[in-house]
Protein backbone atom coordinates (compact mmCIF):
# COMPACT_ATOMS: atom_id res chain seq x y z
CA MET A 1 120.09 115.02 112.98
CA ALA A 2 121.52 111.54 112.15
CA SER A 3 125.50 111.08 111.40
CA THR A 4 126.36 111.16 107.93
CA ASN A 5 129.08 107.41 109.04
CA THR A 6 127.22 105.11 106.52
CA SER A 7 129.71 102.07 106.85
CA ALA A 8 128.27 99.12 107.70
CA PRO A 9 128.87 97.03 111.10
CA ASP A 10 130.69 94.21 111.34
CA ALA A 11 128.14 91.43 112.48
CA SER A 12 130.78 89.55 113.68
CA SER A 13 130.75 92.13 116.85
CA TRP A 14 127.06 92.46 117.20
CA SER A 15 124.98 91.19 120.21
CA PRO A 16 122.04 91.38 121.27
CA ASP A 17 123.43 94.10 124.46
CA SER A 18 126.00 96.16 121.96
CA TRP A 19 123.79 98.85 121.86
CA ARG A 20 124.42 99.11 125.28
CA ALA A 21 128.16 101.06 123.97
CA TYR A 22 126.15 103.50 122.13
CA PRO A 23 124.57 106.67 123.14
CA ALA A 24 120.71 105.51 124.25
CA VAL A 25 117.93 108.18 124.04
CA GLN A 26 114.36 108.09 125.37
CA GLN A 27 115.16 105.35 127.40
CA PRO A 28 113.63 105.67 131.45
CA ALA A 29 115.41 106.20 134.13
CA TRP A 30 114.80 103.44 136.01
CA PRO A 31 115.09 103.93 139.53
CA ASP A 32 116.43 100.57 140.90
CA ASP A 33 118.87 99.09 139.13
CA GLN A 34 118.25 95.47 140.60
CA ALA A 35 115.36 95.69 139.92
CA LEU A 36 115.44 96.48 136.20
CA LYS A 37 117.96 93.33 136.03
CA ARG A 38 115.95 91.02 137.55
CA ALA A 39 112.93 91.49 135.10
CA ASN A 40 115.23 91.35 132.80
CA ALA A 41 116.39 88.21 133.47
CA THR A 42 112.98 87.12 133.51
CA LEU A 43 112.09 88.26 129.87
CA SER A 44 114.71 87.07 128.62
CA GLY A 45 113.55 83.37 130.16
CA LEU A 46 110.36 83.55 129.33
CA PRO A 47 109.22 81.88 125.54
CA PRO A 48 109.04 83.68 122.38
CA LEU A 49 106.30 86.07 121.12
CA VAL A 50 107.18 85.19 117.55
CA PHE A 51 109.37 83.25 115.94
CA ALA A 52 112.54 83.01 113.75
CA GLY A 53 110.31 81.52 110.63
CA GLU A 54 107.37 83.66 110.60
CA ALA A 55 109.98 86.95 110.68
CA ARG A 56 111.32 85.27 107.66
CA HIS A 57 108.39 85.24 105.87
CA LEU A 58 106.96 88.74 106.52
CA THR A 59 110.39 89.79 104.93
CA ARG A 60 109.22 88.08 101.74
CA ALA A 61 105.73 89.71 101.90
CA LEU A 62 107.42 92.91 102.53
CA GLY A 63 109.90 92.21 99.80
CA GLN A 64 106.68 92.01 97.16
CA ALA A 65 105.86 95.24 98.48
CA ALA A 66 109.77 96.70 97.60
CA GLN A 67 109.17 95.38 93.96
CA GLY A 68 105.19 97.32 93.44
CA ARG A 69 103.76 94.13 93.34
CA ALA A 70 101.62 94.63 97.08
CA PHE A 71 100.45 97.14 99.63
CA VAL A 72 101.63 97.04 102.56
CA LEU A 73 98.55 98.22 105.77
CA GLN A 74 100.44 99.00 108.77
CA ALA A 75 97.88 100.20 111.28
CA GLY A 76 96.47 100.18 115.62
CA ASP A 77 96.49 101.86 118.13
CA CYS A 78 99.01 104.85 118.93
CA ALA A 79 99.92 103.29 122.62
CA GLU A 80 98.72 99.72 123.71
CA SER A 81 96.74 100.46 127.38
CA PHE A 82 96.82 97.96 130.28
CA THR A 83 93.91 99.66 132.10
CA GLU A 84 92.05 99.21 128.12
CA PHE A 85 92.69 95.34 127.18
CA SER A 86 89.61 92.73 126.57
CA ALA A 87 88.81 90.58 124.01
CA ASP A 88 86.17 92.39 122.23
CA ALA A 89 88.80 95.50 121.55
CA ILE A 90 91.04 93.38 120.17
CA ARG A 91 88.50 91.53 118.61
CA ASP A 92 86.93 94.84 116.55
CA LYS A 93 90.60 96.33 116.61
CA LEU A 94 91.30 93.70 113.95
CA LYS A 95 87.92 94.12 111.79
CA VAL A 96 88.30 97.25 111.37
CA ILE A 97 92.48 96.13 109.58
CA LEU A 98 90.97 93.23 108.03
CA GLN A 99 87.76 95.80 106.38
CA MET A 100 90.26 98.00 105.05
CA ALA A 101 92.42 95.21 103.66
CA VAL A 102 89.63 93.63 102.15
CA VAL A 103 88.47 97.14 100.52
CA LEU A 104 92.16 97.62 98.97
CA THR A 105 92.29 93.92 97.65
CA TYR A 106 88.67 94.69 96.30
CA GLY A 107 88.59 97.79 95.17
CA ALA A 108 92.30 98.31 93.65
CA GLY A 109 93.52 94.94 92.32
CA VAL A 110 96.86 94.31 94.93
CA PRO A 111 97.77 91.59 97.47
CA VAL A 112 97.75 93.19 100.86
CA VAL A 113 100.27 92.85 103.58
CA LYS A 114 98.23 93.27 107.23
CA LEU A 115 100.39 94.58 110.09
CA GLY A 116 99.39 95.02 113.15
CA ARG A 117 99.96 97.90 115.41
CA ILE A 118 99.80 95.70 118.37
CA ALA A 119 100.61 92.85 120.75
CA GLY A 120 103.76 95.17 122.02
CA GLN A 121 103.20 98.81 121.74
CA PHE A 122 103.28 99.83 125.07
CA ALA A 123 105.85 102.35 125.33
CA LYS A 124 106.13 106.11 123.05
CA PRO A 125 108.76 108.95 122.85
CA ARG A 126 108.62 111.95 124.64
CA SER A 127 109.67 115.25 123.53
CA SER A 128 109.86 116.46 127.23
CA PRO A 129 110.89 114.40 130.20
CA THR A 130 108.53 115.85 132.28
CA GLU A 131 105.70 118.04 132.06
CA GLN A 132 103.52 120.24 134.29
CA VAL A 133 100.54 118.94 136.38
CA GLY A 134 98.68 121.87 138.20
CA GLY A 135 101.95 123.60 140.11
CA GLN A 136 103.24 120.41 139.70
CA VAL A 137 106.23 119.02 137.79
CA ILE A 138 106.08 115.03 137.06
CA ASP A 139 107.59 112.38 135.01
CA SER A 140 106.00 112.58 131.38
CA PHE A 141 104.20 109.02 130.53
CA ARG A 142 106.32 106.99 128.01
CA GLY A 143 103.36 104.55 128.02
CA HIS A 144 102.11 101.24 130.26
CA MET A 145 105.36 99.33 129.50
CA VAL A 146 106.85 102.21 131.87
CA ASN A 147 105.08 104.32 133.99
CA ASP A 148 101.18 104.83 134.18
CA ASP A 149 98.80 107.45 132.75
CA LEU A 150 97.70 109.24 135.86
CA PRO A 151 99.04 112.56 136.25
CA GLU A 152 99.95 111.91 140.03
CA ALA A 153 104.25 111.81 140.76
CA ALA A 154 103.45 108.74 142.07
CA ALA A 155 102.40 106.84 139.21
CA ARG A 156 105.25 108.30 136.39
CA VAL A 157 107.83 106.61 138.25
CA PRO A 158 109.99 104.26 135.76
CA ASP A 159 108.80 100.92 136.92
CA PRO A 160 110.74 98.10 135.70
CA ALA A 161 107.92 95.31 136.54
CA ARG A 162 105.94 96.80 133.47
CA LEU A 163 108.20 95.43 131.04
CA VAL A 164 106.61 91.66 131.92
CA ALA A 165 103.49 92.62 132.40
CA ALA A 166 103.66 93.54 128.90
CA TYR A 167 104.98 90.71 127.75
CA GLN A 168 101.91 88.67 129.25
CA GLN A 169 99.53 91.36 127.50
CA SER A 170 101.50 90.91 124.32
CA VAL A 171 101.26 86.69 124.52
CA SER A 172 97.01 87.26 125.55
CA THR A 173 96.67 88.90 123.01
CA LEU A 174 98.64 87.02 120.28
CA ASN A 175 96.66 83.83 121.05
CA LEU A 176 93.75 85.62 120.15
CA LEU A 177 94.46 87.22 116.77
CA ARG A 178 96.51 83.57 116.46
CA ALA A 179 92.66 81.56 116.61
CA PHE A 180 90.70 85.37 115.33
CA THR A 181 92.93 84.70 111.98
CA LYS A 182 93.36 81.28 112.06
CA GLY A 183 90.17 80.15 113.67
CA GLY A 184 87.63 80.63 111.26
CA PHE A 185 86.99 84.46 111.76
CA ALA A 186 88.89 85.60 109.14
CA ASP A 187 86.94 83.33 106.50
CA LEU A 188 85.59 85.26 103.50
CA SER A 189 82.53 83.34 103.81
CA GLN A 190 82.50 85.57 107.70
CA ILE A 191 82.76 88.86 105.93
CA HIS A 192 79.43 90.13 106.44
CA ALA A 193 80.41 89.67 110.49
CA TRP A 194 83.21 92.23 110.10
CA ASN A 195 81.17 95.17 109.64
CA GLN A 196 80.66 96.36 113.18
CA GLU A 197 76.98 98.18 114.41
CA PHE A 198 78.00 101.58 114.27
CA VAL A 199 80.32 101.60 111.19
CA ALA A 200 77.35 99.71 109.31
CA SER A 201 74.81 102.43 109.78
CA SER A 202 77.48 104.96 107.77
CA THR A 203 78.20 105.75 103.95
CA GLU A 204 81.00 103.81 104.51
CA GLY A 205 79.48 100.62 106.06
CA ARG A 206 77.16 100.18 103.43
CA ARG A 207 80.23 100.37 100.73
CA PHE A 208 81.66 97.94 102.30
CA GLU A 209 78.62 95.81 102.46
CA ASP A 210 78.29 95.74 98.66
CA ILE A 211 81.67 94.58 98.36
CA ALA A 212 81.16 91.60 100.46
CA GLU A 213 77.80 90.91 98.36
CA GLY A 214 80.22 91.15 95.65
CA ILE A 215 82.51 88.64 97.35
CA ASP A 216 79.32 86.22 98.28
CA SER A 217 78.56 85.80 94.70
CA ALA A 218 81.84 85.33 93.07
CA LEU A 219 82.35 82.53 95.80
CA ARG A 220 78.69 81.09 95.06
CA PHE A 221 80.00 81.32 91.34
CA MET A 222 82.83 79.79 92.17
CA SER A 223 80.79 76.20 94.06
CA ALA A 224 78.39 76.25 91.43
CA CYS A 225 80.92 75.72 88.81
CA GLY A 226 82.29 72.60 90.45
CA ILE A 227 85.28 74.15 92.52
CA ASP A 228 86.33 72.73 95.50
CA LEU A 229 87.10 76.10 97.67
CA THR A 230 87.58 74.06 100.98
CA GLY A 231 90.77 73.58 100.74
CA GLU A 232 91.93 77.01 99.47
CA ASP A 233 93.61 78.46 102.83
CA THR A 234 93.54 82.01 101.49
CA LEU A 235 90.04 82.06 101.36
CA HIS A 236 89.70 81.53 104.96
CA GLU A 237 92.44 82.56 107.23
CA VAL A 238 94.98 85.45 106.44
CA ASP A 239 98.16 85.93 107.75
CA PHE A 240 98.23 88.97 110.12
CA TRP A 241 101.86 90.11 111.56
CA THR A 242 102.59 92.12 114.53
CA SER A 243 104.69 95.12 114.97
CA HIS A 244 106.10 97.92 117.46
CA GLU A 245 108.55 100.71 117.93
CA ALA A 246 111.52 99.46 119.40
CA LEU A 247 111.91 102.24 121.82
CA ILE A 248 112.61 100.22 125.42
CA LEU A 249 115.72 98.64 124.42
CA ASP A 250 116.05 96.53 127.71
CA TYR A 251 112.76 94.86 126.78
CA GLU A 252 113.73 94.29 123.39
CA GLU A 253 117.53 92.96 123.95
CA ALA A 254 116.21 90.54 126.47
CA LEU A 255 113.40 89.09 123.62
CA THR A 256 116.33 88.30 121.17
CA ARG A 257 116.96 84.68 120.61
CA LYS A 258 119.34 83.35 118.19
CA ASP A 259 117.55 80.48 115.42
CA SER A 260 118.56 77.34 115.50
CA LEU A 261 118.02 76.50 112.26
CA THR A 262 120.24 79.41 110.87
CA GLY A 263 122.33 80.78 113.82
CA GLU A 264 121.09 84.17 113.52
CA TRP A 265 119.44 86.55 116.03
CA TYR A 266 115.92 87.61 115.74
CA ASP A 267 113.95 90.22 118.28
CA CYS A 268 111.19 88.18 119.26
CA SER A 269 109.13 90.79 120.62
CA ALA A 270 107.52 91.23 117.32
CA HIS A 271 107.71 89.91 113.42
CA MET A 272 108.48 93.47 112.31
CA LEU A 273 110.42 96.53 114.52
CA TRP A 274 110.81 99.85 113.56
CA VAL A 275 113.20 103.03 115.14
CA GLY A 276 111.30 106.60 115.56
CA GLU A 277 112.00 110.04 114.45
CA ARG A 278 113.21 110.82 117.58
CA THR A 279 115.60 107.06 118.08
CA ARG A 280 117.03 107.02 114.37
CA GLN A 281 120.26 108.21 114.69
CA LEU A 282 122.98 106.40 113.22
CA ASP A 283 125.76 105.99 115.17
CA GLY A 284 122.84 105.64 118.21
CA ALA A 285 121.83 102.55 120.48
CA HIS A 286 118.46 101.86 118.53
CA CYS A 287 119.97 101.88 115.03
CA GLU A 288 123.03 99.66 116.44
CA PHE A 289 120.44 97.21 117.84
CA LEU A 290 118.26 96.82 114.65
CA SER A 291 121.81 96.44 112.70
CA GLY A 292 122.03 93.01 113.68
CA ILE A 293 118.58 91.35 114.34
CA ARG A 294 117.33 89.72 110.76
CA ASN A 295 113.40 90.80 111.98
CA PRO A 296 112.44 93.46 108.86
CA VAL A 297 112.86 96.56 110.13
CA GLY A 298 111.51 99.67 109.79
CA SER A 299 112.79 104.13 110.49
CA LYS A 300 110.47 106.89 110.18
CA VAL A 301 112.05 109.39 108.06
CA GLY A 302 110.36 113.33 109.13
CA THR A 303 111.26 117.25 107.72
CA SER A 304 114.67 116.59 109.61
CA ALA A 305 115.85 113.71 107.06
CA SER A 306 118.53 114.85 104.40
CA ALA A 307 119.13 112.42 101.64
CA ASP A 308 122.68 111.74 103.06
CA ASP A 309 120.27 110.12 106.46
CA VAL A 310 118.40 108.59 104.32
CA ILE A 311 120.98 106.68 102.50
CA GLY A 312 123.05 106.30 105.45
CA LEU A 313 119.81 104.69 107.09
CA CYS A 314 120.19 101.89 103.78
CA GLU A 315 123.01 101.20 104.19
CA ARG A 316 122.87 100.98 108.65
CA LEU A 317 120.11 98.93 108.41
CA ASN A 318 120.06 97.07 105.25
CA PRO A 319 123.64 97.00 104.34
CA GLU A 320 122.66 93.47 101.49
CA ARG A 321 120.38 95.11 100.13
CA ILE A 322 116.95 92.59 101.11
CA PRO A 323 114.12 93.22 99.06
CA GLY A 324 111.60 93.33 102.34
CA ARG A 325 114.32 93.88 105.20
CA LEU A 326 113.64 98.12 105.17
CA THR A 327 110.30 100.15 105.71
CA LEU A 328 110.88 103.87 105.87
CA ILE A 329 108.07 105.36 107.22
CA THR A 330 107.51 109.03 105.96
CA ARG A 331 105.86 111.55 108.09
CA PHE A 332 106.06 115.08 107.38
CA GLY A 333 102.39 116.86 106.80
CA VAL A 334 100.51 117.81 104.08
CA ASP A 335 102.18 120.90 104.18
CA ALA A 336 105.65 120.22 104.34
CA ILE A 337 105.57 116.65 101.78
CA ASP A 338 106.24 118.29 98.62
CA ASP A 339 109.04 119.66 100.03
CA HIS A 340 111.14 116.69 101.26
CA LEU A 341 109.78 113.39 99.79
CA PRO A 342 110.99 113.65 95.47
CA GLU A 343 114.46 114.20 97.13
CA LEU A 344 114.39 111.32 99.29
CA LEU A 345 112.78 109.06 96.41
CA ARG A 346 115.58 109.91 94.03
CA ALA A 347 118.23 109.70 96.18
CA VAL A 348 117.20 105.92 97.42
CA GLU A 349 116.12 104.97 93.79
CA SER A 350 119.68 106.25 92.43
CA GLU A 351 121.09 104.37 94.71
CA GLY A 352 119.25 101.34 94.25
CA HIS A 353 118.41 100.34 97.36
CA PRO A 354 114.87 98.06 97.45
CA VAL A 355 112.60 99.53 100.57
CA VAL A 356 109.27 99.88 101.12
CA TRP A 357 108.02 103.66 101.05
CA GLU A 358 105.07 103.75 103.54
CA CYS A 359 103.21 107.08 104.05
CA ASP A 360 102.33 108.14 108.02
CA PRO A 361 99.81 110.80 107.28
CA MET A 362 99.25 111.48 111.16
CA HIS A 363 101.67 112.22 112.98
CA GLY A 364 102.84 115.01 111.06
CA ASN A 365 99.31 116.19 110.93
CA THR A 366 98.94 116.52 114.55
CA PHE A 367 98.08 119.74 116.67
CA THR A 368 96.16 120.62 119.88
CA ALA A 369 92.53 121.90 119.78
CA GLU A 370 91.60 124.97 121.65
CA GLY A 371 89.96 122.16 124.39
CA GLY A 372 93.56 120.81 125.45
CA GLN A 373 93.39 118.48 122.99
CA LYS A 374 95.77 116.73 120.76
CA THR A 375 93.91 116.05 117.32
CA ARG A 376 94.32 115.53 113.36
CA ARG A 377 91.87 116.48 110.32
CA PHE A 378 90.98 113.64 108.78
CA ASP A 379 91.18 116.10 105.26
CA ASP A 380 94.47 116.73 106.20
CA ILE A 381 95.10 112.93 106.85
CA ILE A 382 93.95 112.49 103.27
CA GLY A 383 95.66 115.71 101.91
CA GLU A 384 99.24 114.30 103.10
CA LEU A 385 98.44 110.57 101.40
CA GLN A 386 96.99 112.24 98.15
CA ALA A 387 100.14 113.67 97.70
CA PHE A 388 102.36 110.58 98.70
CA PHE A 389 100.77 108.66 95.64
CA ARG A 390 101.51 111.42 93.61
CA ILE A 391 105.00 112.32 94.13
CA HIS A 392 105.59 108.33 93.70
CA ARG A 393 104.31 108.62 90.17
CA GLU A 394 106.02 111.73 88.98
CA VAL A 395 109.69 110.11 89.89
CA GLY A 396 108.04 106.29 89.36
CA THR A 397 108.55 104.95 92.35
CA TRP A 398 106.20 102.16 94.41
CA PRO A 399 104.06 104.08 97.31
CA GLY A 400 104.03 100.59 98.77
CA GLY A 401 102.01 101.12 102.23
CA VAL A 402 100.37 102.97 105.03
CA HIS A 403 100.84 103.34 108.27
CA VAL A 404 98.08 104.79 110.47
CA GLU A 405 96.82 105.23 114.60
CA LEU A 406 93.69 103.74 114.31
CA THR A 407 90.68 101.82 116.66
CA GLY A 408 87.68 99.57 116.69
CA ASP A 409 86.13 101.55 119.21
CA ASP A 410 83.53 104.53 118.50
CA VAL A 411 86.05 107.44 119.41
CA THR A 412 86.11 111.27 118.39
CA GLU A 413 89.51 112.22 118.56
CA CYS A 414 90.14 113.51 115.29
CA LEU A 415 88.13 116.35 113.06
CA GLY A 416 86.53 115.66 110.51
CA GLY A 417 85.45 112.53 108.37
CA PHE A 418 82.22 111.21 106.72
CA GLU A 419 80.20 112.56 110.25
CA ASP A 420 82.22 115.61 110.50
CA ILE A 421 83.34 115.88 114.16
CA VAL A 422 84.12 119.18 115.27
CA GLU A 423 86.32 120.78 118.19
CA GLY A 424 83.57 120.70 120.24
CA GLN A 425 83.16 117.25 120.09
CA LEU A 426 86.73 115.48 120.58
CA GLY A 427 85.32 115.23 124.47
CA LEU A 428 82.50 113.12 123.98
CA ARG A 429 84.56 110.19 123.40
CA TYR A 430 88.57 110.40 123.87
CA THR A 431 90.04 108.09 125.32
CA THR A 432 93.16 107.76 124.05
CA THR A 433 96.27 107.57 126.48
CA CYS A 434 98.69 109.32 123.41
CA ASP A 435 98.02 110.39 120.51
CA PRO A 436 94.36 110.95 118.75
CA ARG A 437 93.06 107.77 116.56
CA LEU A 438 90.93 107.47 113.82
CA ASN A 439 87.38 105.46 114.28
CA GLY A 440 86.27 102.69 112.37
CA ARG A 441 84.34 105.08 109.70
CA GLN A 442 87.02 107.30 109.88
CA SER A 443 89.47 104.44 108.63
CA LEU A 444 87.13 102.46 106.23
CA ASP A 445 86.57 105.50 104.80
CA LEU A 446 90.21 106.28 103.84
CA ALA A 447 90.86 103.22 103.08
CA PHE A 448 88.28 103.56 100.10
CA ARG A 449 90.51 106.87 99.41
CA ILE A 450 93.10 104.38 99.33
CA ALA A 451 91.93 102.07 96.67
CA GLU A 452 90.90 105.05 94.65
CA LEU A 453 94.56 106.25 95.00
CA LEU A 454 96.23 103.52 94.36
CA ARG A 455 94.21 102.75 91.01
CA GLY A 456 95.01 106.05 89.66
């Protein structure tokens, strides 16, 4: 899939728009060039969503995971929605991620880097530019940043005004996330409040309450010993980072800024950006764009990736070999991971590239149920994770993180888990605009399983 031309780009020749000289796949066919120019000009004049110093901080945190001293939890919606957007939905999603992070830290004893698929995950690559609805062929839904998910031809026309709308919703989301994570909601003394009602009644919820009680007891013990915990920021707030797939390059270019302290370019749409399996061509526009920004970046890696491809990605996106700069997110599927991952781990290890290895156990395990809904089996997700950890131990490398699609809502989109969702129940609460997500109970169950895998 990718070229084997692994020569690093000349940094002096890179600019935020240099990607335009390269083949750009998965870009919308914008029907109005002037409207696109107006949207780009508007975005270019708006304040950054994140700051360069925050991105550098995240690179250092990911560097700990690259060196085997931390674990990355990257989680959130498959695709954010303009229509299903509320403070409660953001809070509930954050609750699940905080719960999972506590389970991993408490159960496995490793620091957890909390990285959301949020505040920018509005676009999705598609296997076909069109789809058939009834007897009509219409454009595929590419995420609310591009068009609407209504099954109508007019709704599927790409609209550049949606780029600005995505920015505005990201602003609102980030404001709320910062308030929650720095304003008291993420305080460990509030840990019981993170357990949602529909989760608390489950086995996973009760296991989480046991952890919460243990943390409460530890805090009371330290206080009784005269230890003043009021000044310990790590107990009262958390660092929570944002990430999304850098798919729509007009949007990413417009939000790229030169840092006034270092003179380096940062994509200020998110702390971390990644390229997908369909857009990671070494000689393509997406890799060209990511090669020049100084944010931590990532790449999905699937069954089509050879060892040469992956080494090429390392040299293209992290020629300076900075720990934490590059994350490789593997997505093979439970039946294919043993055939592909060991060779890639050994190749990268032999070349000395300091990458974070993350497992995406969801995308390679997607299938269409008889009722027409895309879904995933929880047992397949767990199976790929088990293989991921086992192979890393066999090769002698560190399983650095997990990348999952989840929601705080009580959905029925993935099969199995504690409540044993079956195909006939998928339609009960199937609300995703794109791919199926784990619900809160399944997500918490996943965290307990990962903690066991980390403990070995």
